[in-house]
């Protein structure tokens, strides 16, 4: 697992983008009008802001080789709150750690 993004749910994507740009971040990528990646100078990890998953709260998004394989290997050991699903870059799932924090996992299996 490798930390790829720090996830923050937001109420207004455009307003949040302006806020983070004011802090010196720049748009790295976008998926429609709901998800945006922000780059920070000299930092490999990006901030991902999204108008979704408010009830789960912020947390890390970790890159794994295969979300489906990770899920199969850990399904009975971890508290998955979102089963693997397809998103534009690949597959995505969410589980909670021992104290209830959301841990998001992603793979880029749909990238060219």
PDB file of N, CA and C in Angstrom:
ATOM      1  N   UNK A   1       0.841  -1.189   0.000  1.00  0.00           N
ATOM      2  CA  UNK A   1       0.000   0.000   0.000  1.00  0.00           C
ATOM      3  C   UNK A   1       0.879   1.243   0.000  1.00  0.00           C
ATOM      4  N   UNK A   2       0.438   2.203  -0.751  1.00  0.00           N
ATOM      5  CA  UNK A   2       1.155   3.474  -0.828  1.00  0.00           C
ATOM      6  C   UNK A   2       0.134   4.605  -0.755  1.00  0.00           C
ATOM      7  N   UNK A   3       0.386   5.588   0.103  1.00  0.00           N
ATOM      8  CA  UNK A   3      -0.515   6.731   0.208  1.00  0.00           C
ATOM      9  C   UNK A   3      -0.462   7.532  -1.081  1.00  0.00           C
ATOM     10  N   UNK A   4      -1.603   7.657  -1.747  1.00  0.00           N
ATOM     11  CA  UNK A   4      -1.684   8.389  -3.013  1.00  0.00           C
ATOM     12  C   UNK A   4      -2.367   9.737  -2.852  1.00  0.00           C
ATOM     13  N   UNK A   5      -3.411   9.778  -2.041  1.00  0.00           N
ATOM     14  CA  UNK A   5      -4.199  11.002  -1.866  1.00  0.00           C
ATOM     15  C   UNK A   5      -4.592  11.165  -0.407  1.00  0.00           C
ATOM     16  N   UNK A   6      -4.801  12.399  -0.009  1.00  0.00           N
ATOM     17  CA  UNK A   6      -5.468  12.716   1.236  1.00  0.00           C
ATOM     18  C   UNK A   6      -6.858  13.183   0.833  1.00  0.00           C
ATOM     19  N   UNK A   7      -7.893  12.469   1.246  1.00  0.00           N
ATOM     20  CA  UNK A   7      -9.258  12.731   0.830  1.00  0.00           C
ATOM     21  C   UNK A   7      -9.954  13.684   1.788  1.00  0.00           C
ATOM     22  N   UNK A   8     -10.593  14.718   1.225  1.00  0.00           N
ATOM     23  CA  UNK A   8     -11.416  15.643   2.003  1.00  0.00           C
ATOM     24  C   UNK A   8     -12.764  15.792   1.321  1.00  0.00           C
ATOM     25  N   UNK A   9     -13.849  15.399   1.991  1.00  0.00           N
ATOM     26  CA  UNK A   9     -15.167  15.685   1.420  1.00  0.00           C
ATOM     27  C   UNK A   9     -15.461  17.176   1.576  1.00  0.00           C
ATOM     28  N   UNK A  10     -16.056  17.771   0.551  1.00  0.00           N
ATOM     29  CA  UNK A  10     -16.360  19.208   0.585  1.00  0.00           C
ATOM     30  C   UNK A  10     -17.805  19.439   0.180  1.00  0.00           C
ATOM     31  N   UNK A  11     -18.352  20.581   0.574  1.00  0.00           N
ATOM     32  CA  UNK A  11     -19.728  20.931   0.216  1.00  0.00           C
ATOM     33  C   UNK A  11     -19.806  21.586  -1.150  1.00  0.00           C
ATOM     34  N   UNK A  12     -18.774  22.332  -1.513  1.00  0.00           N
ATOM     35  CA  UNK A  12     -18.775  23.063  -2.785  1.00  0.00           C
ATOM     36  C   UNK A  12     -17.391  22.932  -3.412  1.00  0.00           C
ATOM     37  N   UNK A  13     -17.313  22.181  -4.501  1.00  0.00           N
ATOM     38  CA  UNK A  13     -16.026  21.894  -5.126  1.00  0.00           C
ATOM     39  C   UNK A  13     -15.327  23.157  -5.610  1.00  0.00           C
ATOM     40  N   UNK A  14     -16.047  24.026  -6.287  1.00  0.00           N
ATOM     41  CA  UNK A  14     -15.442  25.243  -6.839  1.00  0.00           C
ATOM     42  C   UNK A  14     -14.930  26.155  -5.727  1.00  0.00           C
ATOM     43  N   UNK A  15     -15.727  26.335  -4.704  1.00  0.00           N
ATOM     44  CA  UNK A  15     -15.304  27.179  -3.576  1.00  0.00           C
ATOM     45  C   UNK A  15     -14.075  26.589  -2.890  1.00  0.00           C
ATOM     46  N   UNK A  16     -14.064  25.267  -2.723  1.00  0.00           N
ATOM     47  CA  UNK A  16     -12.920  24.613  -2.087  1.00  0.00           C
ATOM     48  C   UNK A  16     -11.677  24.696  -2.956  1.00  0.00           C
ATOM     49  N   UNK A  17     -11.848  24.555  -4.267  1.00  0.00           N
ATOM     50  CA  UNK A  17     -10.711  24.678  -5.174  1.00  0.00           C
ATOM     51  C   UNK A  17     -10.080  26.056  -5.043  1.00  0.00           C
ATOM     52  N   UNK A  18     -10.892  27.083  -5.009  1.00  0.00           N
ATOM     53  CA  UNK A  18     -10.370  28.451  -4.864  1.00  0.00           C
ATOM     54  C   UNK A  18      -9.619  28.606  -3.547  1.00  0.00           C
ATOM     55  N   UNK A  19     -10.151  28.010  -2.491  1.00  0.00           N
ATOM     56  CA  UNK A  19      -9.501  28.088  -1.189  1.00  0.00           C
ATOM     57  C   UNK A  19      -8.109  27.453  -1.242  1.00  0.00           C
ATOM     58  N   UNK A  20      -8.032  26.229  -1.762  1.00  0.00           N
ATOM     59  CA  UNK A  20      -6.746  25.531  -1.796  1.00  0.00           C
ATOM     60  C   UNK A  20      -5.771  26.163  -2.783  1.00  0.00           C
ATOM     61  N   UNK A  21      -6.277  26.729  -3.867  1.00  0.00           N
ATOM     62  CA  UNK A  21      -5.396  27.468  -4.776  1.00  0.00           C
ATOM     63  C   UNK A  21      -4.817  28.692  -4.080  1.00  0.00           C
ATOM     64  N   UNK A  22      -5.589  29.292  -3.189  1.00  0.00           N
ATOM     65  CA  UNK A  22      -5.093  30.417  -2.399  1.00  0.00           C
ATOM     66  C   UNK A  22      -3.958  30.024  -1.472  1.00  0.00           C
ATOM     67  N   UNK A  23      -3.875  28.731  -1.175  1.00  0.00           N
ATOM     68  CA  UNK A  23      -2.781  28.219  -0.343  1.00  0.00           C
ATOM     69  C   UNK A  23      -1.587  27.766  -1.182  1.00  0.00           C
ATOM     70  N   UNK A  24      -1.688  27.948  -2.507  1.00  0.00           N
ATOM     71  CA  UNK A  24      -0.573  27.619  -3.394  1.00  0.00           C
ATOM     72  C   UNK A  24      -0.693  26.281  -4.108  1.00  0.00           C
ATOM     73  N   UNK A  25      -1.815  25.575  -3.938  1.00  0.00           N
ATOM     74  CA  UNK A  25      -1.999  24.297  -4.625  1.00  0.00           C
ATOM     75  C   UNK A  25      -2.512  24.545  -6.042  1.00  0.00           C
ATOM     76  N   UNK A  26      -2.301  23.564  -6.921  1.00  0.00           N
ATOM     77  CA  UNK A  26      -2.770  23.670  -8.298  1.00  0.00           C
ATOM     78  C   UNK A  26      -3.574  22.427  -8.671  1.00  0.00           C
ATOM     79  N   UNK A  27      -4.490  22.602  -9.621  1.00  0.00           N
ATOM     80  CA  UNK A  27      -5.295  21.479 -10.085  1.00  0.00           C
ATOM     81  C   UNK A  27      -4.401  20.475 -10.809  1.00  0.00           C
ATOM     82  N   UNK A  28      -4.477  19.209 -10.401  1.00  0.00           N
ATOM     83  CA  UNK A  28      -3.685  18.149 -11.012  1.00  0.00           C
ATOM     84  C   UNK A  28      -4.528  17.315 -11.973  1.00  0.00           C
ATOM     85  N   UNK A  29      -5.784  17.097 -11.641  1.00  0.00           N
ATOM     86  CA  UNK A  29      -6.697  16.313 -12.464  1.00  0.00           C
ATOM     87  C   UNK A  29      -8.123  16.562 -11.988  1.00  0.00           C
ATOM     88  N   UNK A  30      -9.068  16.159 -12.804  1.00  0.00           N
ATOM     89  CA  UNK A  30     -10.479  16.363 -12.486  1.00  0.00           C
ATOM     90  C   UNK A  30     -11.285  15.217 -13.078  1.00  0.00           C
ATOM     91  N   UNK A  31     -12.309  14.798 -12.344  1.00  0.00           N
ATOM     92  CA  UNK A  31     -13.278  13.830 -12.850  1.00  0.00           C
ATOM     93  C   UNK A  31     -14.653  14.477 -12.753  1.00  0.00           C
ATOM     94  N   UNK A  32     -15.099  15.028 -13.871  1.00  0.00           N
ATOM     95  CA  UNK A  32     -16.395  15.693 -13.891  1.00  0.00           C
ATOM     96  C   UNK A  32     -16.419  16.918 -13.012  1.00  0.00           C
ATOM     97  N   UNK A  33     -17.574  17.170 -12.433  1.00  0.00           N
ATOM     98  CA  UNK A  33     -17.745  18.341 -11.567  1.00  0.00           C
ATOM     99  C   UNK A  33     -17.835  17.963 -10.101  1.00  0.00           C
ATOM    100  N   UNK A  34     -17.383  16.734  -9.768  1.00  0.00           N
ATOM    101  CA  UNK A  34     -17.536  16.270  -8.402  1.00  0.00           C
ATOM    102  C   UNK A  34     -16.223  15.933  -7.703  1.00  0.00           C
ATOM    103  N   UNK A  35     -15.167  15.624  -8.465  1.00  0.00           N
ATOM    104  CA  UNK A  35     -13.896  15.187  -7.871  1.00  0.00           C
ATOM    105  C   UNK A  35     -12.740  15.957  -8.492  1.00  0.00           C
ATOM    106  N   UNK A  36     -11.811  16.377  -7.636  1.00  0.00           N
ATOM    107  CA  UNK A  36     -10.682  17.183  -8.094  1.00  0.00           C
ATOM    108  C   UNK A  36      -9.441  16.814  -7.300  1.00  0.00           C
ATOM    109  N   UNK A  37      -8.326  16.643  -8.010  1.00  0.00           N
ATOM    110  CA  UNK A  37      -7.042  16.414  -7.362  1.00  0.00           C
ATOM    111  C   UNK A  37      -6.237  17.699  -7.361  1.00  0.00           C
ATOM    112  N   UNK A  38      -5.631  18.004  -6.225  1.00  0.00           N
ATOM    113  CA  UNK A  38      -4.828  19.217  -6.079  1.00  0.00           C
ATOM    114  C   UNK A  38      -3.386  18.813  -5.744  1.00  0.00           C
ATOM    115  N   UNK A  39      -2.437  19.406  -6.469  1.00  0.00           N
ATOM    116  CA  UNK A  39      -1.011  19.149  -6.233  1.00  0.00           C
ATOM    117  C   UNK A  39      -0.431  20.202  -5.311  1.00  0.00           C
ATOM    118  N   UNK A  40       0.514  19.749  -4.511  1.00  0.00           N
ATOM    119  CA  UNK A  40       1.246  20.642  -3.625  1.00  0.00           C
ATOM    120  C   UNK A  40       2.708  20.593  -4.019  1.00  0.00           C
ATOM    121  N   UNK A  41       3.348  21.729  -4.057  1.00  0.00           N
ATOM    122  CA  UNK A  41       4.750  21.803  -4.437  1.00  0.00           C
ATOM    123  C   UNK A  41       5.597  20.893  -3.543  1.00  0.00           C
ATOM    124  N   UNK A  42       6.486  20.155  -4.184  1.00  0.00           N
ATOM    125  CA  UNK A  42       7.428  19.274  -3.482  1.00  0.00           C
ATOM    126  C   UNK A  42       6.740  18.191  -2.650  1.00  0.00           C
ATOM    127  N   UNK A  43       5.542  17.767  -3.052  1.00  0.00           N
ATOM    128  CA  UNK A  43       4.828  16.734  -2.316  1.00  0.00           C
ATOM    129  C   UNK A  43       4.254  15.721  -3.303  1.00  0.00           C
ATOM    130  N   UNK A  44       4.580  14.462  -3.108  1.00  0.00           N
ATOM    131  CA  UNK A  44       4.113  13.406  -4.000  1.00  0.00           C
ATOM    132  C   UNK A  44       2.628  13.102  -3.785  1.00  0.00           C
ATOM    133  N   UNK A  45       2.144  13.239  -2.558  1.00  0.00           N
ATOM    134  CA  UNK A  45       0.753  12.948  -2.227  1.00  0.00           C
ATOM    135  C   UNK A  45      -0.114  14.140  -2.614  1.00  0.00           C
ATOM    136  N   UNK A  46      -1.235  13.859  -3.266  1.00  0.00           N
ATOM    137  CA  UNK A  46      -2.143  14.922  -3.680  1.00  0.00           C
ATOM    138  C   UNK A  46      -3.340  15.000  -2.737  1.00  0.00           C
ATOM    139  N   UNK A  47      -3.965  16.155  -2.705  1.00  0.00           N
ATOM    140  CA  UNK A  47      -5.209  16.348  -1.985  1.00  0.00           C
ATOM    141  C   UNK A  47      -6.344  16.064  -2.951  1.00  0.00           C
ATOM    142  N   UNK A  48      -7.237  15.162  -2.576  1.00  0.00           N
ATOM    143  CA  UNK A  48      -8.402  14.856  -3.399  1.00  0.00           C
ATOM    144  C   UNK A  48      -9.620  15.419  -2.685  1.00  0.00           C
ATOM    145  N   UNK A  49     -10.313  16.347  -3.342  1.00  0.00           N
ATOM    146  CA  UNK A  49     -11.528  16.909  -2.767  1.00  0.00           C
ATOM    147  C   UNK A  49     -12.710  16.419  -3.601  1.00  0.00           C
ATOM    148  N   UNK A  50     -13.803  16.117  -2.907  1.00  0.00           N
ATOM    149  CA  UNK A  50     -14.950  15.522  -3.578  1.00  0.00           C
ATOM    150  C   UNK A  50     -16.233  15.911  -2.862  1.00  0.00           C
ATOM    151  N   UNK A  51     -17.274  16.117  -3.645  1.00  0.00           N
ATOM    152  CA  UNK A  51     -18.592  16.431  -3.090  1.00  0.00           C
ATOM    153  C   UNK A  51     -19.347  15.132  -2.830  1.00  0.00           C
ATOM    154  N   UNK A  52     -18.784  14.275  -1.975  1.00  0.00           N
ATOM    155  CA  UNK A  52     -19.391  12.975  -1.700  1.00  0.00           C
ATOM    156  C   UNK A  52     -18.793  12.419  -0.414  1.00  0.00           C
ATOM    157  N   UNK A  53     -19.418  11.386   0.115  1.00  0.00           N
ATOM    158  CA  UNK A  53     -18.930  10.653   1.283  1.00  0.00           C
ATOM    159  C   UNK A  53     -18.736  11.526   2.520  1.00  0.00           C
ATOM    160  N   UNK A  54     -19.612  12.508   2.711  1.00  0.00           N
ATOM    161  CA  UNK A  54     -19.513  13.392   3.872  1.00  0.00           C
ATOM    162  C   UNK A  54     -19.647  12.622   5.189  1.00  0.00           C
ATOM    163  N   UNK A  55     -20.471  11.592   5.188  1.00  0.00           N
ATOM    164  CA  UNK A  55     -20.704  10.845   6.418  1.00  0.00           C
ATOM    165  C   UNK A  55     -19.492  10.033   6.863  1.00  0.00           C
ATOM    166  N   UNK A  56     -18.598   9.721   5.944  1.00  0.00           N
ATOM    167  CA  UNK A  56     -17.408   8.942   6.297  1.00  0.00           C
ATOM    168  C   UNK A  56     -16.261   9.813   6.800  1.00  0.00           C
ATOM    169  N   UNK A  57     -16.203  11.047   6.344  1.00  0.00           N
ATOM    170  CA  UNK A  57     -15.151  11.950   6.777  1.00  0.00           C
ATOM    171  C   UNK A  57     -13.870  11.820   5.966  1.00  0.00           C
ATOM    172  N   UNK A  58     -12.865  12.631   6.308  1.00  0.00           N
ATOM    173  CA  UNK A  58     -11.598  12.638   5.573  1.00  0.00           C
ATOM    174  C   UNK A  58     -10.738  11.437   5.930  1.00  0.00           C
ATOM    175  N   UNK A  59      -9.733  11.209   5.093  1.00  0.00           N
ATOM    176  CA  UNK A  59      -8.793  10.131   5.370  1.00  0.00           C
ATOM    177  C   UNK A  59      -7.884   9.881   4.187  1.00  0.00           C
ATOM    178  N   UNK A  60      -7.033   8.907   4.328  1.00  0.00           N
ATOM    179  CA  UNK A  60      -6.096   8.562   3.275  1.00  0.00           C
ATOM    180  C   UNK A  60      -6.722   7.688   2.202  1.00  0.00           C
ATOM    181  N   UNK A  61      -6.195   7.829   0.993  1.00  0.00           N
ATOM    182  CA  UNK A  61      -6.547   6.946  -0.122  1.00  0.00           C
ATOM    183  C   UNK A  61      -5.254   6.245  -0.507  1.00  0.00           C
ATOM    184  N   UNK A  62      -5.256   4.929  -0.368  1.00  0.00           N
ATOM    185  CA  UNK A  62      -4.050   4.149  -0.563  1.00  0.00           C
ATOM    186  C   UNK A  62      -4.107   3.376  -1.869  1.00  0.00           C
ATOM    187  N   UNK A  63      -3.026   3.440  -2.619  1.00  0.00           N
ATOM    188  CA  UNK A  63      -2.895   2.721  -3.866  1.00  0.00           C
ATOM    189  C   UNK A  63      -2.491   1.279  -3.568  1.00  0.00           C
ATOM    190  N   UNK A  64      -3.255   0.340  -4.107  1.00  0.00           N
ATOM    191  CA  UNK A  64      -2.927  -1.082  -4.011  1.00  0.00           C
ATOM    192  C   UNK A  64      -2.849  -1.641  -5.423  1.00  0.00           C
ATOM    193  N   UNK A  65      -2.204  -2.778  -5.564  1.00  0.00           N
ATOM    194  CA  UNK A  65      -2.073  -3.373  -6.888  1.00  0.00           C
ATOM    195  C   UNK A  65      -3.432  -3.778  -7.447  1.00  0.00           C
ATOM    196  N   UNK A  66      -4.275  -4.377  -6.601  1.00  0.00           N
ATOM    197  CA  UNK A  66      -5.606  -4.805  -7.027  1.00  0.00           C
ATOM    198  C   UNK A  66      -6.578  -4.673  -5.861  1.00  0.00           C
ATOM    199  N   UNK A  67      -7.572  -3.812  -6.007  1.00  0.00           N
ATOM    200  CA  UNK A  67      -8.589  -3.654  -4.971  1.00  0.00           C
ATOM    201  C   UNK A  67      -9.337  -4.972  -4.775  1.00  0.00           C
ATOM    202  N   UNK A  68      -9.664  -5.644  -5.857  1.00  0.00           N
ATOM    203  CA  UNK A  68     -10.410  -6.898  -5.752  1.00  0.00           C
ATOM    204  C   UNK A  68      -9.626  -7.964  -4.989  1.00  0.00           C
ATOM    205  N   UNK A  69      -8.341  -8.095  -5.283  1.00  0.00           N
ATOM    206  CA  UNK A  69      -7.511  -9.063  -4.555  1.00  0.00           C
ATOM    207  C   UNK A  69      -7.381  -8.688  -3.087  1.00  0.00           C
ATOM    208  N   UNK A  70      -7.176  -7.390  -2.798  1.00  0.00           N
ATOM    209  CA  UNK A  70      -7.078  -6.923  -1.418  1.00  0.00           C
ATOM    210  C   UNK A  70      -8.364  -7.252  -0.668  1.00  0.00           C
ATOM    211  N   UNK A  71      -9.495  -6.981  -1.301  1.00  0.00           N
ATOM    212  CA  UNK A  71     -10.793  -7.257  -0.687  1.00  0.00           C
ATOM    213  C   UNK A  71     -10.955  -8.749  -0.398  1.00  0.00           C
ATOM    214  N   UNK A  72     -10.638  -9.583  -1.361  1.00  0.00           N
ATOM    215  CA  UNK A  72     -10.764 -11.034  -1.176  1.00  0.00           C
ATOM    216  C   UNK A  72      -9.876 -11.531  -0.033  1.00  0.00           C
ATOM    217  N   UNK A  73      -8.669 -10.982   0.067  1.00  0.00           N
ATOM    218  CA  UNK A  73      -7.729 -11.403   1.108  1.00  0.00           C
ATOM    219  C   UNK A  73      -8.115 -10.903   2.502  1.00  0.00           C
ATOM    220  N   UNK A  74      -8.831  -9.776   2.580  1.00  0.00           N
ATOM    221  CA  UNK A  74      -9.091  -9.147   3.871  1.00  0.00           C
ATOM    222  C   UNK A  74     -10.575  -8.997   4.225  1.00  0.00           C
ATOM    223  N   UNK A  75     -11.457  -9.495   3.397  1.00  0.00           N
ATOM    224  CA  UNK A  75     -12.894  -9.287   3.581  1.00  0.00           C
ATOM    225  C   UNK A  75     -13.390  -9.702   4.974  1.00  0.00           C
ATOM    226  N   UNK A  76     -12.911 -10.811   5.492  1.00  0.00           N
ATOM    227  CA  UNK A  76     -13.380 -11.292   6.792  1.00  0.00           C
ATOM    228  C   UNK A  76     -12.625 -10.673   7.959  1.00  0.00           C
ATOM    229  N   UNK A  77     -11.487 -10.016   7.689  1.00  0.00           N
ATOM    230  CA  UNK A  77     -10.666  -9.435   8.750  1.00  0.00           C
ATOM    231  C   UNK A  77     -10.911  -7.945   8.957  1.00  0.00           C
ATOM    232  N   UNK A  78     -11.387  -7.258   7.904  1.00  0.00           N
ATOM    233  CA  UNK A  78     -11.564  -5.808   7.965  1.00  0.00           C
ATOM    234  C   UNK A  78     -13.039  -5.448   7.850  1.00  0.00           C
ATOM    235  N   UNK A  79     -13.386  -4.264   8.361  1.00  0.00           N
ATOM    236  CA  UNK A  79     -14.764  -3.768   8.346  1.00  0.00           C
ATOM    237  C   UNK A  79     -14.993  -2.935   7.086  1.00  0.00           C
ATOM    238  N   UNK A  80     -15.329  -3.585   5.987  1.00  0.00           N
ATOM    239  CA  UNK A  80     -15.565  -2.883   4.734  1.00  0.00           C
ATOM    240  C   UNK A  80     -16.923  -2.186   4.775  1.00  0.00           C
ATOM    241  N   UNK A  81     -16.926  -0.886   4.476  1.00  0.00           N
ATOM    242  CA  UNK A  81     -18.172  -0.118   4.416  1.00  0.00           C
ATOM    243  C   UNK A  81     -18.565   0.190   2.976  1.00  0.00           C
ATOM    244  N   UNK A  82     -17.661  -0.078   2.039  1.00  0.00           N
ATOM    245  CA  UNK A  82     -17.951   0.042   0.612  1.00  0.00           C
ATOM    246  C   UNK A  82     -17.196  -1.065  -0.101  1.00  0.00           C
ATOM    247  N   UNK A  83     -17.949  -1.958  -0.698  1.00  0.00           N
ATOM    248  CA  UNK A  83     -17.353  -3.057  -1.463  1.00  0.00           C
ATOM    249  C   UNK A  83     -16.690  -2.508  -2.718  1.00  0.00           C
ATOM    250  N   UNK A  84     -15.794  -3.272  -3.318  1.00  0.00           N
ATOM    251  CA  UNK A  84     -15.137  -2.806  -4.535  1.00  0.00           C
ATOM    252  C   UNK A  84     -16.141  -2.372  -5.605  1.00  0.00           C
ATOM    253  N   UNK A  85     -15.848  -1.237  -6.213  1.00  0.00           N
ATOM    254  CA  UNK A  85     -16.683  -0.697  -7.278  1.00  0.00           C
ATOM    255  C   UNK A  85     -15.768  -0.082  -8.334  1.00  0.00           C
ATOM    256  N   UNK A  86     -16.327   0.114  -9.509  1.00  0.00           N
ATOM    257  CA  UNK A  86     -15.558   0.688 -10.605  1.00  0.00           C
ATOM    258  C   UNK A  86     -15.705   2.200 -10.607  1.00  0.00           C
ATOM    259  N   UNK A  87     -14.580   2.878 -10.734  1.00  0.00           N
ATOM    260  CA  UNK A  87     -14.535   4.329 -10.899  1.00  0.00           C
ATOM    261  C   UNK A  87     -13.681   4.595 -12.143  1.00  0.00           C
ATOM    262  N   UNK A  88     -13.685   5.809 -12.682  1.00  0.00           N
ATOM    263  CA  UNK A  88     -12.963   6.034 -13.942  1.00  0.00           C
ATOM    264  C   UNK A  88     -11.522   5.512 -13.998  1.00  0.00           C
ATOM    265  N   UNK A  89     -10.684   5.718 -12.971  1.00  0.00           N
ATOM    266  CA  UNK A  89      -9.315   5.212 -13.133  1.00  0.00           C
ATOM    267  C   UNK A  89      -9.130   3.731 -12.805  1.00  0.00           C
ATOM    268  N   UNK A  90     -10.115   3.094 -12.162  1.00  0.00           N
ATOM    269  CA  UNK A  90      -9.924   1.688 -11.794  1.00  0.00           C
ATOM    270  C   UNK A  90     -10.977   1.182 -10.839  1.00  0.00           C
ATOM    271  N   UNK A  91     -10.512   0.609  -9.710  1.00  0.00           N
ATOM    272  CA  UNK A  91     -11.409   0.040  -8.707  1.00  0.00           C
ATOM    273  C   UNK A  91     -11.168   0.747  -7.376  1.00  0.00           C
ATOM    274  N   UNK A  92     -12.205   0.725  -6.509  1.00  0.00           N
ATOM    275  CA  UNK A  92     -12.205   1.534  -5.288  1.00  0.00           C
ATOM    276  C   UNK A  92     -13.008   0.801  -4.224  1.00  0.00           C
ATOM    277  N   UNK A  93     -12.574   0.870  -2.971  1.00  0.00           N
ATOM    278  CA  UNK A  93     -13.305   0.305  -1.842  1.00  0.00           C
ATOM    279  C   UNK A  93     -12.927   1.085  -0.585  1.00  0.00           C
ATOM    280  N   UNK A  94     -13.718   0.915   0.472  1.00  0.00           N
ATOM    281  CA  UNK A  94     -13.453   1.610   1.738  1.00  0.00           C
ATOM    282  C   UNK A  94     -13.671   0.633   2.891  1.00  0.00           C
ATOM    283  N   UNK A  95     -12.753   0.662   3.857  1.00  0.00           N
ATOM    284  CA  UNK A  95     -12.954  -0.059   5.112  1.00  0.00           C
ATOM    285  C   UNK A  95     -12.600   0.874   6.258  1.00  0.00           C
ATOM    286  N   UNK A  96     -12.983   0.495   7.460  1.00  0.00           N
ATOM    287  CA  UNK A  96     -12.669   1.304   8.651  1.00  0.00           C
ATOM    288  C   UNK A  96     -11.560   0.618   9.449  1.00  0.00           C
ATOM    289  N   UNK A  97     -10.679   1.457  10.000  1.00  0.00           N
ATOM    290  CA  UNK A  97      -9.642   0.903  10.863  1.00  0.00           C
ATOM    291  C   UNK A  97     -10.245   0.591  12.237  1.00  0.00           C
ATOM    292  N   UNK A  98      -9.434   0.154  13.166  1.00  0.00           N
ATOM    293  CA  UNK A  98      -9.906  -0.253  14.485  1.00  0.00           C
ATOM    294  C   UNK A  98     -10.575   0.826  15.302  1.00  0.00           C
ATOM    295  N   UNK A  99     -10.346   2.082  14.942  1.00  0.00           N
ATOM    296  CA  UNK A  99     -10.979   3.182  15.679  1.00  0.00           C
ATOM    297  C   UNK A  99     -12.052   3.883  14.860  1.00  0.00           C
ATOM    298  N   UNK A 100     -12.419   3.301  13.718  1.00  0.00           N
ATOM    299  CA  UNK A 100     -13.518   3.837  12.928  1.00  0.00           C
ATOM    300  C   UNK A 100     -13.146   4.795  11.815  1.00  0.00           C
ATOM    301  N   UNK A 101     -11.856   5.052  11.616  1.00  0.00           N
ATOM    302  CA  UNK A 101     -11.440   5.958  10.547  1.00  0.00           C
ATOM    303  C   UNK A 101     -11.556   5.270   9.187  1.00  0.00           C
ATOM    304  N   UNK A 102     -12.037   5.998   8.166  1.00  0.00           N
ATOM    305  CA  UNK A 102     -12.140   5.384   6.847  1.00  0.00           C
ATOM    306  C   UNK A 102     -10.775   5.252   6.176  1.00  0.00           C
ATOM    307  N   UNK A 103     -10.537   4.081   5.609  1.00  0.00           N
ATOM    308  CA  UNK A 103      -9.338   3.818   4.824  1.00  0.00           C
ATOM    309  C   UNK A 103      -9.824   3.493   3.415  1.00  0.00           C
ATOM    310  N   UNK A 104      -9.483   4.328   2.484  1.00  0.00           N
ATOM    311  CA  UNK A 104      -9.898   4.133   1.097  1.00  0.00           C
ATOM    312  C   UNK A 104      -8.761   3.478   0.328  1.00  0.00           C
ATOM    313  N   UNK A 105      -9.107   2.499  -0.514  1.00  0.00           N
ATOM    314  CA  UNK A 105      -8.103   1.869  -1.362  1.00  0.00           C
ATOM    315  C   UNK A 105      -8.527   2.019  -2.819  1.00  0.00           C
ATOM    316  N   UNK A 106      -7.534   2.152  -3.681  1.00  0.00           N
ATOM    317  CA  UNK A 106      -7.784   2.378  -5.091  1.00  0.00           C
ATOM    318  C   UNK A 106      -6.732   1.631  -5.911  1.00  0.00           C
ATOM    319  N   UNK A 107      -7.110   1.228  -7.097  1.00  0.00           N
ATOM    320  CA  UNK A 107      -6.112   0.776  -8.055  1.00  0.00           C
ATOM    321  C   UNK A 107      -6.372   1.528  -9.363  1.00  0.00           C
ATOM    322  N   UNK A 108      -5.396   1.535 -10.214  1.00  0.00           N
ATOM    323  CA  UNK A 108      -5.522   2.253 -11.479  1.00  0.00           C
ATOM    324  C   UNK A 108      -5.621   1.266 -12.637  1.00  0.00           C
ATOM    325  N   UNK A 109      -6.450   0.257 -12.469  1.00  0.00           N
ATOM    326  CA  UNK A 109      -6.568  -0.810 -13.460  1.00  0.00           C
ATOM    327  C   UNK A 109      -7.218  -0.357 -14.769  1.00  0.00           C
ATOM    328  N   UNK A 110      -7.879   0.792 -14.789  1.00  0.00           N
ATOM    329  CA  UNK A 110      -8.496   1.291 -16.021  1.00  0.00           C
ATOM    330  C   UNK A 110      -7.651   2.339 -16.724  1.00  0.00           C
ATOM    331  N   UNK A 111      -6.453   2.596 -16.219  1.00  0.00           N
ATOM    332  CA  UNK A 111      -5.553   3.551 -16.871  1.00  0.00           C
ATOM    333  C   UNK A 111      -4.940   2.898 -18.103  1.00  0.00           C
ATOM    334  N   UNK A 112      -4.716   3.681 -19.145  1.00  0.00           N
ATOM    335  CA  UNK A 112      -4.108   3.158 -20.375  1.00  0.00           C
ATOM    336  C   UNK A 112      -2.656   2.791 -20.145  1.00  0.00           C
TER     337      UNK A 112
END
